[in-house]
């Protein structure tokens, strides 16, 4: 392929739901660990902040899973990524 030839394009863009899923899981795990460590070190305000972020990650996980389920209902049998 030369520089003047266009690259092949994929018909549709890939969804970022799987990346969001991985990032939300990472956030949940890290914020839970940090909250436990903060409460163990008697830094309650930091523990509360980390716990709030962990709850936000759980809410994001629920939203992501609902969107993935809705996409699966709309296109049964279609594989959008490695995780589906």
PDB file of N, CA and C in Angstrom:
ATOM      1  N   UNK A   1       0.847  -1.172   0.000  1.00  0.00           N
ATOM      2  CA  UNK A   1       0.000   0.000   0.000  1.00  0.00           C
ATOM      3  C   UNK A   1       0.894   1.238   0.000  1.00  0.00           C
ATOM      4  N   UNK A   2       0.578   2.150  -0.827  1.00  0.00           N
ATOM      5  CA  UNK A   2       1.335   3.398  -0.865  1.00  0.00           C
ATOM      6  C   UNK A   2       0.600   4.457  -0.066  1.00  0.00           C
ATOM      7  N   UNK A   3       1.258   5.569   0.128  1.00  0.00           N
ATOM      8  CA  UNK A   3       0.643   6.643   0.913  1.00  0.00           C
ATOM      9  C   UNK A   3      -0.574   7.246   0.223  1.00  0.00           C
ATOM     10  N   UNK A   4      -0.642   7.141  -1.088  1.00  0.00           N
ATOM     11  CA  UNK A   4      -1.758   7.749  -1.800  1.00  0.00           C
ATOM     12  C   UNK A   4      -3.017   6.882  -1.754  1.00  0.00           C
ATOM     13  N   UNK A   5      -2.850   5.601  -1.424  1.00  0.00           N
ATOM     14  CA  UNK A   5      -4.010   4.722  -1.361  1.00  0.00           C
ATOM     15  C   UNK A   5      -4.684   4.850   0.005  1.00  0.00           C
ATOM     16  N   UNK A   6      -6.005   4.925   0.002  1.00  0.00           N
ATOM     17  CA  UNK A   6      -6.699   5.028   1.295  1.00  0.00           C
ATOM     18  C   UNK A   6      -6.634   3.688   2.038  1.00  0.00           C
ATOM     19  N   UNK A   7      -6.651   3.779   3.330  1.00  0.00           N
ATOM     20  CA  UNK A   7      -6.676   2.569   4.151  1.00  0.00           C
ATOM     21  C   UNK A   7      -8.075   1.977   4.156  1.00  0.00           C
ATOM     22  N   UNK A   8      -8.130   0.671   4.419  1.00  0.00           N
ATOM     23  CA  UNK A   8      -9.445   0.041   4.532  1.00  0.00           C
ATOM     24  C   UNK A   8     -10.127   0.540   5.793  1.00  0.00           C
ATOM     25  N   UNK A   9     -11.379   0.791   5.691  1.00  0.00           N
ATOM     26  CA  UNK A   9     -12.147   1.282   6.834  1.00  0.00           C
ATOM     27  C   UNK A   9     -13.077   0.189   7.329  1.00  0.00           C
ATOM     28  N   UNK A  10     -13.323   0.165   8.605  1.00  0.00           N
ATOM     29  CA  UNK A  10     -14.295  -0.745   9.183  1.00  0.00           C
ATOM     30  C   UNK A  10     -15.665  -0.107   9.012  1.00  0.00           C
ATOM     31  N   UNK A  11     -16.670  -0.921   8.762  1.00  0.00           N
ATOM     32  CA  UNK A  11     -18.007  -0.379   8.490  1.00  0.00           C
ATOM     33  C   UNK A  11     -18.576   0.414   9.655  1.00  0.00           C
ATOM     34  N   UNK A  12     -18.321  -0.041  10.862  1.00  0.00           N
ATOM     35  CA  UNK A  12     -18.878   0.647  12.021  1.00  0.00           C
ATOM     36  C   UNK A  12     -17.789   0.824  13.072  1.00  0.00           C
ATOM     37  N   UNK A  13     -17.931   1.853  13.856  1.00  0.00           N
ATOM     38  CA  UNK A  13     -16.971   2.102  14.929  1.00  0.00           C
ATOM     39  C   UNK A  13     -17.176   1.085  16.045  1.00  0.00           C
ATOM     40  N   UNK A  14     -16.097   0.744  16.707  1.00  0.00           N
ATOM     41  CA  UNK A  14     -16.190  -0.166  17.838  1.00  0.00           C
ATOM     42  C   UNK A  14     -16.702   0.581  19.056  1.00  0.00           C
ATOM     43  N   UNK A  15     -17.397  -0.138  19.901  1.00  0.00           N
ATOM     44  CA  UNK A  15     -17.939   0.463  21.104  1.00  0.00           C
ATOM     45  C   UNK A  15     -16.869   0.582  22.175  1.00  0.00           C
ATOM     46  N   UNK A  16     -16.982   1.607  22.982  1.00  0.00           N
ATOM     47  CA  UNK A  16     -16.041   1.807  24.086  1.00  0.00           C
ATOM     48  C   UNK A  16     -16.563   1.208  25.383  1.00  0.00           C
ATOM     49  N   UNK A  17     -17.624   0.429  25.313  1.00  0.00           N
ATOM     50  CA  UNK A  17     -18.200  -0.129  26.531  1.00  0.00           C
ATOM     51  C   UNK A  17     -17.238  -1.074  27.239  1.00  0.00           C
ATOM     52  N   UNK A  18     -16.480  -1.830  26.489  1.00  0.00           N
ATOM     53  CA  UNK A  18     -15.558  -2.759  27.138  1.00  0.00           C
ATOM     54  C   UNK A  18     -14.417  -2.032  27.830  1.00  0.00           C
ATOM     55  N   UNK A  19     -13.941  -0.961  27.236  1.00  0.00           N
ATOM     56  CA  UNK A  19     -12.923  -0.155  27.899  1.00  0.00           C
ATOM     57  C   UNK A  19     -13.488   0.467  29.164  1.00  0.00           C
ATOM     58  N   UNK A  20     -14.704   0.974  29.087  1.00  0.00           N
ATOM     59  CA  UNK A  20     -15.349   1.529  30.278  1.00  0.00           C
ATOM     60  C   UNK A  20     -15.530   0.468  31.344  1.00  0.00           C
ATOM     61  N   UNK A  21     -15.849  -0.771  30.926  1.00  0.00           N
ATOM     62  CA  UNK A  21     -16.008  -1.864  31.877  1.00  0.00           C
ATOM     63  C   UNK A  21     -14.703  -2.138  32.618  1.00  0.00           C
ATOM     64  N   UNK A  22     -13.603  -2.224  31.893  1.00  0.00           N
ATOM     65  CA  UNK A  22     -12.302  -2.489  32.506  1.00  0.00           C
ATOM     66  C   UNK A  22     -11.901  -1.336  33.430  1.00  0.00           C
ATOM     67  N   UNK A  23     -12.097  -0.116  32.970  1.00  0.00           N
ATOM     68  CA  UNK A  23     -11.727   1.034  33.800  1.00  0.00           C
ATOM     69  C   UNK A  23     -12.593   1.140  35.050  1.00  0.00           C
ATOM     70  N   UNK A  24     -13.869   0.834  34.936  1.00  0.00           N
ATOM     71  CA  UNK A  24     -14.748   0.872  36.111  1.00  0.00           C
ATOM     72  C   UNK A  24     -14.372  -0.218  37.106  1.00  0.00           C
ATOM     73  N   UNK A  25     -14.030  -1.397  36.612  1.00  0.00           N
ATOM     74  CA  UNK A  25     -13.580  -2.459  37.519  1.00  0.00           C
ATOM     75  C   UNK A  25     -12.280  -2.074  38.223  1.00  0.00           C
ATOM     76  N   UNK A  26     -11.360  -1.489  37.472  1.00  0.00           N
ATOM     77  CA  UNK A  26     -10.108  -1.029  38.078  1.00  0.00           C
ATOM     78  C   UNK A  26     -10.384   0.033  39.139  1.00  0.00           C
ATOM     79  N   UNK A  27     -11.251   0.977  38.834  1.00  0.00           N
ATOM     80  CA  UNK A  27     -11.600   2.014  39.802  1.00  0.00           C
ATOM     81  C   UNK A  27     -12.265   1.454  41.041  1.00  0.00           C
ATOM     82  N   UNK A  28     -13.135   0.485  40.847  1.00  0.00           N
ATOM     83  CA  UNK A  28     -13.806  -0.129  41.990  1.00  0.00           C
ATOM     84  C   UNK A  28     -12.808  -0.825  42.908  1.00  0.00           C
ATOM     85  N   UNK A  29     -11.923  -1.607  42.324  1.00  0.00           N
ATOM     86  CA  UNK A  29     -10.949  -2.348  43.135  1.00  0.00           C
ATOM     87  C   UNK A  29      -9.999  -1.393  43.851  1.00  0.00           C
ATOM     88  N   UNK A  30      -9.451  -0.433  43.119  1.00  0.00           N
ATOM     89  CA  UNK A  30      -8.483   0.467  43.744  1.00  0.00           C
ATOM     90  C   UNK A  30      -9.123   1.348  44.803  1.00  0.00           C
ATOM     91  N   UNK A  31     -10.306   1.878  44.533  1.00  0.00           N
ATOM     92  CA  UNK A  31     -10.945   2.744  45.520  1.00  0.00           C
ATOM     93  C   UNK A  31     -11.383   1.964  46.755  1.00  0.00           C
ATOM     94  N   UNK A  32     -11.771   0.721  46.579  1.00  0.00           N
ATOM     95  CA  UNK A  32     -12.122  -0.100  47.749  1.00  0.00           C
ATOM     96  C   UNK A  32     -10.894  -0.365  48.603  1.00  0.00           C
ATOM     97  N   UNK A  33      -9.786  -0.705  47.959  1.00  0.00           N
ATOM     98  CA  UNK A  33      -8.546  -0.949  48.709  1.00  0.00           C
ATOM     99  C   UNK A  33      -8.095   0.323  49.412  1.00  0.00           C
ATOM    100  N   UNK A  34      -8.121   1.453  48.706  1.00  0.00           N
ATOM    101  CA  UNK A  34      -7.703   2.713  49.320  1.00  0.00           C
ATOM    102  C   UNK A  34      -8.627   3.117  50.465  1.00  0.00           C
ATOM    103  N   UNK A  35      -9.922   2.863  50.330  1.00  0.00           N
ATOM    104  CA  UNK A  35     -10.852   3.190  51.409  1.00  0.00           C
ATOM    105  C   UNK A  35     -10.551   2.357  52.649  1.00  0.00           C
ATOM    106  N   UNK A  36     -10.298   1.075  52.457  1.00  0.00           N
ATOM    107  CA  UNK A  36      -9.970   0.217  53.599  1.00  0.00           C
ATOM    108  C   UNK A  36      -8.674   0.674  54.249  1.00  0.00           C
ATOM    109  N   UNK A  37      -7.674   0.977  53.449  1.00  0.00           N
ATOM    110  CA  UNK A  37      -6.401   1.443  54.000  1.00  0.00           C
ATOM    111  C   UNK A  37      -6.544   2.784  54.711  1.00  0.00           C
ATOM    112  N   UNK A  38      -7.355   3.668  54.161  1.00  0.00           N
ATOM    113  CA  UNK A  38      -7.554   4.977  54.785  1.00  0.00           C
ATOM    114  C   UNK A  38      -8.276   4.840  56.121  1.00  0.00           C
ATOM    115  N   UNK A  39      -9.294   3.987  56.181  1.00  0.00           N
ATOM    116  CA  UNK A  39      -9.987   3.787  57.454  1.00  0.00           C
ATOM    117  C   UNK A  39      -9.078   3.106  58.476  1.00  0.00           C
ATOM    118  N   UNK A  40      -8.209   2.208  58.004  1.00  0.00           N
ATOM    119  CA  UNK A  40      -7.269   1.537  58.914  1.00  0.00           C
ATOM    120  C   UNK A  40      -6.226   2.516  59.442  1.00  0.00           C
ATOM    121  N   UNK A  41      -5.903   3.541  58.667  1.00  0.00           N
ATOM    122  CA  UNK A  41      -4.919   4.539  59.089  1.00  0.00           C
ATOM    123  C   UNK A  41      -5.575   5.713  59.814  1.00  0.00           C
ATOM    124  N   UNK A  42      -6.834   5.607  60.145  1.00  0.00           N
ATOM    125  CA  UNK A  42      -7.599   6.648  60.844  1.00  0.00           C
ATOM    126  C   UNK A  42      -7.654   7.970  60.081  1.00  0.00           C
ATOM    127  N   UNK A  43      -7.772   7.889  58.771  1.00  0.00           N
ATOM    128  CA  UNK A  43      -7.982   9.069  57.939  1.00  0.00           C
ATOM    129  C   UNK A  43      -9.389   8.919  57.354  1.00  0.00           C
ATOM    130  N   UNK A  44     -10.372   9.222  58.194  1.00  0.00           N
ATOM    131  CA  UNK A  44     -11.767   8.935  57.843  1.00  0.00           C
ATOM    132  C   UNK A  44     -12.234   9.718  56.621  1.00  0.00           C
ATOM    133  N   UNK A  45     -11.835  10.987  56.508  1.00  0.00           N
ATOM    134  CA  UNK A  45     -12.330  11.785  55.384  1.00  0.00           C
ATOM    135  C   UNK A  45     -11.853  11.207  54.057  1.00  0.00           C
ATOM    136  N   UNK A  46     -10.622  10.719  54.014  1.00  0.00           N
ATOM    137  CA  UNK A  46     -10.116  10.117  52.783  1.00  0.00           C
ATOM    138  C   UNK A  46     -10.811   8.782  52.498  1.00  0.00           C
ATOM    139  N   UNK A  47     -11.101   8.033  53.552  1.00  0.00           N
ATOM    140  CA  UNK A  47     -11.837   6.780  53.388  1.00  0.00           C
ATOM    141  C   UNK A  47     -13.228   7.007  52.827  1.00  0.00           C
ATOM    142  N   UNK A  48     -13.877   8.067  53.303  1.00  0.00           N
ATOM    143  CA  UNK A  48     -15.223   8.385  52.808  1.00  0.00           C
ATOM    144  C   UNK A  48     -15.169   8.795  51.334  1.00  0.00           C
ATOM    145  N   UNK A  49     -14.183   9.604  50.970  1.00  0.00           N
ATOM    146  CA  UNK A  49     -14.045  10.028  49.569  1.00  0.00           C
ATOM    147  C   UNK A  49     -13.805   8.817  48.673  1.00  0.00           C
ATOM    148  N   UNK A  50     -12.919   7.916  49.097  1.00  0.00           N
ATOM    149  CA  UNK A  50     -12.645   6.719  48.297  1.00  0.00           C
ATOM    150  C   UNK A  50     -13.868   5.808  48.219  1.00  0.00           C
ATOM    151  N   UNK A  51     -14.617   5.702  49.298  1.00  0.00           N
ATOM    152  CA  UNK A  51     -15.829   4.885  49.287  1.00  0.00           C
ATOM    153  C   UNK A  51     -16.873   5.468  48.335  1.00  0.00           C
ATOM    154  N   UNK A  52     -16.971   6.788  48.298  1.00  0.00           N
ATOM    155  CA  UNK A  52     -17.909   7.428  47.362  1.00  0.00           C
ATOM    156  C   UNK A  52     -17.506   7.132  45.923  1.00  0.00           C
ATOM    157  N   UNK A  53     -16.197   7.213  45.634  1.00  0.00           N
ATOM    158  CA  UNK A  53     -15.733   6.877  44.288  1.00  0.00           C
ATOM    159  C   UNK A  53     -15.987   5.407  43.953  1.00  0.00           C
ATOM    160  N   UNK A  54     -15.884   4.533  44.931  1.00  0.00           N
ATOM    161  CA  UNK A  54     -16.177   3.118  44.701  1.00  0.00           C
ATOM    162  C   UNK A  54     -17.659   2.928  44.370  1.00  0.00           C
ATOM    163  N   UNK A  55     -18.531   3.665  45.034  1.00  0.00           N
ATOM    164  CA  UNK A  55     -19.968   3.592  44.733  1.00  0.00           C
ATOM    165  C   UNK A  55     -20.238   4.121  43.323  1.00  0.00           C
ATOM    166  N   UNK A  56     -19.557   5.187  42.935  1.00  0.00           N
ATOM    167  CA  UNK A  56     -19.704   5.712  41.567  1.00  0.00           C
ATOM    168  C   UNK A  56     -19.277   4.661  40.547  1.00  0.00           C
ATOM    169  N   UNK A  57     -18.204   3.924  40.842  1.00  0.00           N
ATOM    170  CA  UNK A  57     -17.748   2.863  39.938  1.00  0.00           C
ATOM    171  C   UNK A  57     -18.784   1.751  39.835  1.00  0.00           C
ATOM    172  N   UNK A  58     -19.442   1.419  40.948  1.00  0.00           N
ATOM    173  CA  UNK A  58     -20.482   0.385  40.911  1.00  0.00           C
ATOM    174  C   UNK A  58     -21.658   0.847  40.055  1.00  0.00           C
ATOM    175  N   UNK A  59     -22.055   2.097  40.196  1.00  0.00           N
ATOM    176  CA  UNK A  59     -23.150   2.632  39.376  1.00  0.00           C
ATOM    177  C   UNK A  59     -22.759   2.600  37.903  1.00  0.00           C
ATOM    178  N   UNK A  60     -21.522   2.959  37.601  1.00  0.00           N
ATOM    179  CA  UNK A  60     -21.054   2.916  36.214  1.00  0.00           C
ATOM    180  C   UNK A  60     -21.070   1.488  35.685  1.00  0.00           C
ATOM    181  N   UNK A  61     -20.685   0.513  36.498  1.00  0.00           N
ATOM    182  CA  UNK A  61     -20.739  -0.886  36.079  1.00  0.00           C
ATOM    183  C   UNK A  61     -22.160  -1.322  35.747  1.00  0.00           C
ATOM    184  N   UNK A  62     -23.113  -0.887  36.550  1.00  0.00           N
ATOM    185  CA  UNK A  62     -24.515  -1.239  36.292  1.00  0.00           C
ATOM    186  C   UNK A  62     -24.984  -0.630  34.972  1.00  0.00           C
ATOM    187  N   UNK A  63     -24.639   0.631  34.739  1.00  0.00           N
ATOM    188  CA  UNK A  63     -25.037   1.291  33.488  1.00  0.00           C
ATOM    189  C   UNK A  63     -24.401   0.593  32.289  1.00  0.00           C
ATOM    190  N   UNK A  64     -23.133   0.245  32.405  1.00  0.00           N
ATOM    191  CA  UNK A  64     -22.438  -0.425  31.304  1.00  0.00           C
ATOM    192  C   UNK A  64     -23.086  -1.770  30.993  1.00  0.00           C
ATOM    193  N   UNK A  65     -23.371  -2.546  32.015  1.00  0.00           N
ATOM    194  CA  UNK A  65     -23.969  -3.857  31.792  1.00  0.00           C
ATOM    195  C   UNK A  65     -25.367  -3.737  31.183  1.00  0.00           C
ATOM    196  N   UNK A  66     -26.129  -2.731  31.592  1.00  0.00           N
ATOM    197  CA  UNK A  66     -27.456  -2.530  30.997  1.00  0.00           C
ATOM    198  C   UNK A  66     -27.340  -2.174  29.519  1.00  0.00           C
ATOM    199  N   UNK A  67     -26.369  -1.348  29.164  1.00  0.00           N
ATOM    200  CA  UNK A  67     -26.179  -0.980  27.755  1.00  0.00           C
ATOM    201  C   UNK A  67     -25.693  -2.167  26.937  1.00  0.00           C
ATOM    202  N   UNK A  68     -24.807  -2.981  27.515  1.00  0.00           N
ATOM    203  CA  UNK A  68     -24.344  -4.166  26.795  1.00  0.00           C
ATOM    204  C   UNK A  68     -25.498  -5.151  26.583  1.00  0.00           C
ATOM    205  N   UNK A  69     -26.365  -5.302  27.590  1.00  0.00           N
ATOM    206  CA  UNK A  69     -27.510  -6.202  27.459  1.00  0.00           C
ATOM    207  C   UNK A  69     -28.489  -5.677  26.402  1.00  0.00           C
ATOM    208  N   UNK A  70     -28.708  -4.365  26.386  1.00  0.00           N
ATOM    209  CA  UNK A  70     -29.611  -3.784  25.390  1.00  0.00           C
ATOM    210  C   UNK A  70     -29.049  -3.969  23.982  1.00  0.00           C
ATOM    211  N   UNK A  71     -27.749  -3.809  23.834  1.00  0.00           N
ATOM    212  CA  UNK A  71     -27.135  -4.002  22.520  1.00  0.00           C
ATOM    213  C   UNK A  71     -27.246  -5.461  22.090  1.00  0.00           C
ATOM    214  N   UNK A  72     -27.097  -6.367  23.040  1.00  0.00           N
ATOM    215  CA  UNK A  72     -27.212  -7.794  22.720  1.00  0.00           C
ATOM    216  C   UNK A  72     -28.643  -8.155  22.312  1.00  0.00           C
ATOM    217  N   UNK A  73     -29.637  -7.507  22.950  1.00  0.00           N
ATOM    218  CA  UNK A  73     -31.037  -7.752  22.570  1.00  0.00           C
ATOM    219  C   UNK A  73     -31.332  -7.211  21.179  1.00  0.00           C
ATOM    220  N   UNK A  74     -30.745  -6.068  20.831  1.00  0.00           N
ATOM    221  CA  UNK A  74     -30.994  -5.466  19.521  1.00  0.00           C
ATOM    222  C   UNK A  74     -30.335  -6.257  18.399  1.00  0.00           C
ATOM    223  N   UNK A  75     -29.151  -6.814  18.667  1.00  0.00           N
ATOM    224  CA  UNK A  75     -28.404  -7.555  17.646  1.00  0.00           C
ATOM    225  C   UNK A  75     -28.029  -8.914  18.191  1.00  0.00           C
ATOM    226  N   UNK A  76     -28.979  -9.843  18.283  1.00  0.00           N
ATOM    227  CA  UNK A  76     -28.636 -11.156  18.848  1.00  0.00           C
ATOM    228  C   UNK A  76     -27.637 -11.893  17.962  1.00  0.00           C
ATOM    229  N   UNK A  77     -26.680 -12.511  18.620  1.00  0.00           N
ATOM    230  CA  UNK A  77     -25.688 -13.289  17.901  1.00  0.00           C
ATOM    231  C   UNK A  77     -24.509 -12.498  17.390  1.00  0.00           C
ATOM    232  N   UNK A  78     -24.574 -11.176  17.437  1.00  0.00           N
ATOM    233  CA  UNK A  78     -23.465 -10.340  16.968  1.00  0.00           C
ATOM    234  C   UNK A  78     -22.418 -10.234  18.067  1.00  0.00           C
ATOM    235  N   UNK A  79     -21.166 -10.353  17.672  1.00  0.00           N
ATOM    236  CA  UNK A  79     -20.057 -10.204  18.626  1.00  0.00           C
ATOM    237  C   UNK A  79     -19.419  -8.842  18.384  1.00  0.00           C
ATOM    238  N   UNK A  80     -19.444  -7.997  19.408  1.00  0.00           N
ATOM    239  CA  UNK A  80     -18.905  -6.653  19.262  1.00  0.00           C
ATOM    240  C   UNK A  80     -17.465  -6.559  19.731  1.00  0.00           C
ATOM    241  N   UNK A  81     -17.041  -7.517  20.545  1.00  0.00           N
ATOM    242  CA  UNK A  81     -15.691  -7.436  21.072  1.00  0.00           C
ATOM    243  C   UNK A  81     -15.277  -8.792  21.626  1.00  0.00           C
ATOM    244  N   UNK A  82     -14.119  -8.803  22.227  1.00  0.00           N
ATOM    245  CA  UNK A  82     -13.572 -10.021  22.808  1.00  0.00           C
ATOM    246  C   UNK A  82     -14.412 -10.515  23.977  1.00  0.00           C
ATOM    247  N   UNK A  83     -14.997  -9.603  24.741  1.00  0.00           N
ATOM    248  CA  UNK A  83     -15.715  -9.963  25.963  1.00  0.00           C
ATOM    249  C   UNK A  83     -17.162 -10.351  25.739  1.00  0.00           C
ATOM    250  N   UNK A  84     -17.649 -10.244  24.517  1.00  0.00           N
ATOM    251  CA  UNK A  84     -19.062 -10.552  24.286  1.00  0.00           C
ATOM    252  C   UNK A  84     -19.201 -11.776  23.415  1.00  0.00           C
TER     253      UNK A  84
END
